[in-house]
Every structure is written in structure tokens, then in C-alpha cells.
Amino acid sequence: MDREQLERYQFQLGENRGKLAMASDLLTDALVLVGQHGVYCTSARQPNKPAMDLQIILQCMNESKELILQAMEAAKS
């Protein structure tokens, strides 16, 4: 984790929202890496889609990121 980036987020957004913003960034980075991996690990049944385990991982990560963004929005008010 990039401590300097976390400190910047916390300075700009407050402690809790800063941590959520950092978590969102980390999830985004992980989503990109899993997405790139999915290009090479395709499903045997559906060659135009990532392997099923990668599809499930991507879905869970996207849902987690959405929850983080909702929490950030709720914490704003």
C-alpha cells in the first residue's frame, strides 16, 4: 500500500473516506490485473469470456468496489 497516497486521501477526504478511497484504488488495480489475466485464461465453453473462476472474482470485486463507493457517498453527508 502506498502510504503517501493514503495520507493524501485522508487529508483531502477525512480519515474514513480517505481509507475507503484508497481501498477503491487498490480494488481498481486488482480488477485491471485480473482483467488482463482473463485475456489469457479463457473459458473452454465460452472462448470470448474469461475462465469461470475469474468471472466470479471480477464480479465479487466489482460488487465490493460498488459498496465502497456507496459508503463513501454516505459518509460525505
Protein backbone atom coordinates (compact mmCIF):
# COMPACT_ATOMS: atom_id res chain seq x y z
CA MET A 1 0.00 0.00 0.00
CA ASP A 2 1.20 3.47 -0.85
CA ARG A 3 1.27 5.30 2.49
CA GLU A 4 1.78 8.71 0.88
CA GLN A 5 -1.31 8.26 -1.31
CA LEU A 6 -3.32 7.14 1.72
CA GLU A 7 -2.22 10.21 3.64
CA ARG A 8 -3.21 12.45 0.71
CA TYR A 9 -6.65 10.87 0.53
CA GLN A 10 -7.10 11.20 4.28
CA PHE A 11 -6.05 14.84 4.16
CA GLN A 12 -8.45 15.58 1.30
CA LEU A 13 -11.41 13.45 2.34
CA GLY A 14 -11.02 12.75 6.05
CA GLU A 15 -9.73 9.62 7.73
CA ASN A 16 -12.52 7.16 6.94
CA ARG A 17 -13.38 8.38 3.45
CA GLY A 18 -9.64 8.52 2.67
CA LYS A 19 -9.27 4.87 3.62
CA LEU A 20 -12.28 3.96 1.50
CA ALA A 21 -10.84 5.89 -1.45
CA MET A 22 -7.54 4.03 -1.08
CA ALA A 23 -9.39 0.69 -0.88
CA SER A 24 -11.26 1.62 -4.04
CA ASP A 25 -7.99 2.40 -5.83
CA LEU A 26 -6.47 -0.91 -4.71
CA LEU A 27 -9.54 -2.79 -5.94
CA THR A 28 -9.35 -0.96 -9.26
CA ASP A 29 -5.71 -2.00 -9.66
CA ALA A 30 -6.60 -5.60 -8.81
CA LEU A 31 -9.51 -5.54 -11.27
CA VAL A 32 -7.16 -4.42 -14.04
CA LEU A 33 -4.72 -7.22 -13.26
CA VAL A 34 -7.44 -9.88 -13.12
CA GLY A 35 -8.91 -8.49 -16.34
CA GLN A 36 -5.55 -8.76 -18.08
CA HIS A 37 -5.16 -12.30 -16.79
CA GLY A 38 -8.63 -13.09 -18.15
CA VAL A 39 -7.41 -12.32 -21.66
CA TYR A 40 -5.11 -15.33 -21.48
CA CYS A 41 -7.23 -17.64 -19.31
CA THR A 42 -10.41 -18.01 -21.30
CA SER A 43 -13.36 -20.27 -20.67
CA ALA A 44 -13.34 -23.57 -22.54
CA ARG A 45 -17.07 -23.26 -23.20
CA GLN A 46 -17.05 -19.54 -23.99
CA PRO A 47 -13.69 -18.60 -25.55
CA ASN A 48 -14.65 -14.91 -25.68
CA LYS A 49 -15.01 -14.77 -21.85
CA PRO A 50 -12.54 -15.22 -19.01
CA ALA A 51 -12.42 -18.54 -17.16
CA MET A 52 -15.38 -19.02 -14.80
CA ASP A 53 -13.31 -18.54 -11.64
CA LEU A 54 -12.04 -15.21 -12.99
CA GLN A 55 -15.59 -14.15 -13.85
CA ILE A 56 -16.65 -14.83 -10.26
CA ILE A 57 -13.62 -12.96 -8.86
CA LEU A 58 -14.33 -9.98 -11.12
CA GLN A 59 -18.00 -9.94 -10.09
CA CYS A 60 -17.14 -10.03 -6.36
CA MET A 61 -14.52 -7.31 -6.76
CA ASN A 62 -16.88 -5.08 -8.74
CA GLU A 63 -19.60 -5.53 -6.11
CA SER A 64 -17.09 -4.74 -3.34
CA LYS A 65 -16.00 -1.60 -5.14
CA GLU A 66 -19.61 -0.51 -5.55
CA LEU A 67 -20.21 -0.95 -1.80
CA ILE A 68 -17.10 1.12 -1.04
CA LEU A 69 -18.29 3.90 -3.34
CA GLN A 70 -21.73 3.83 -1.70
CA ALA A 71 -20.13 4.04 1.76
CA MET A 72 -18.01 6.99 0.61
CA GLU A 73 -21.09 8.77 -0.69
CA ALA A 74 -23.00 8.11 2.54
CA ALA A 75 -20.06 9.33 4.63
CA LYS A 76 -19.96 12.58 2.62
CA SER A 77 -23.22 13.83 4.11
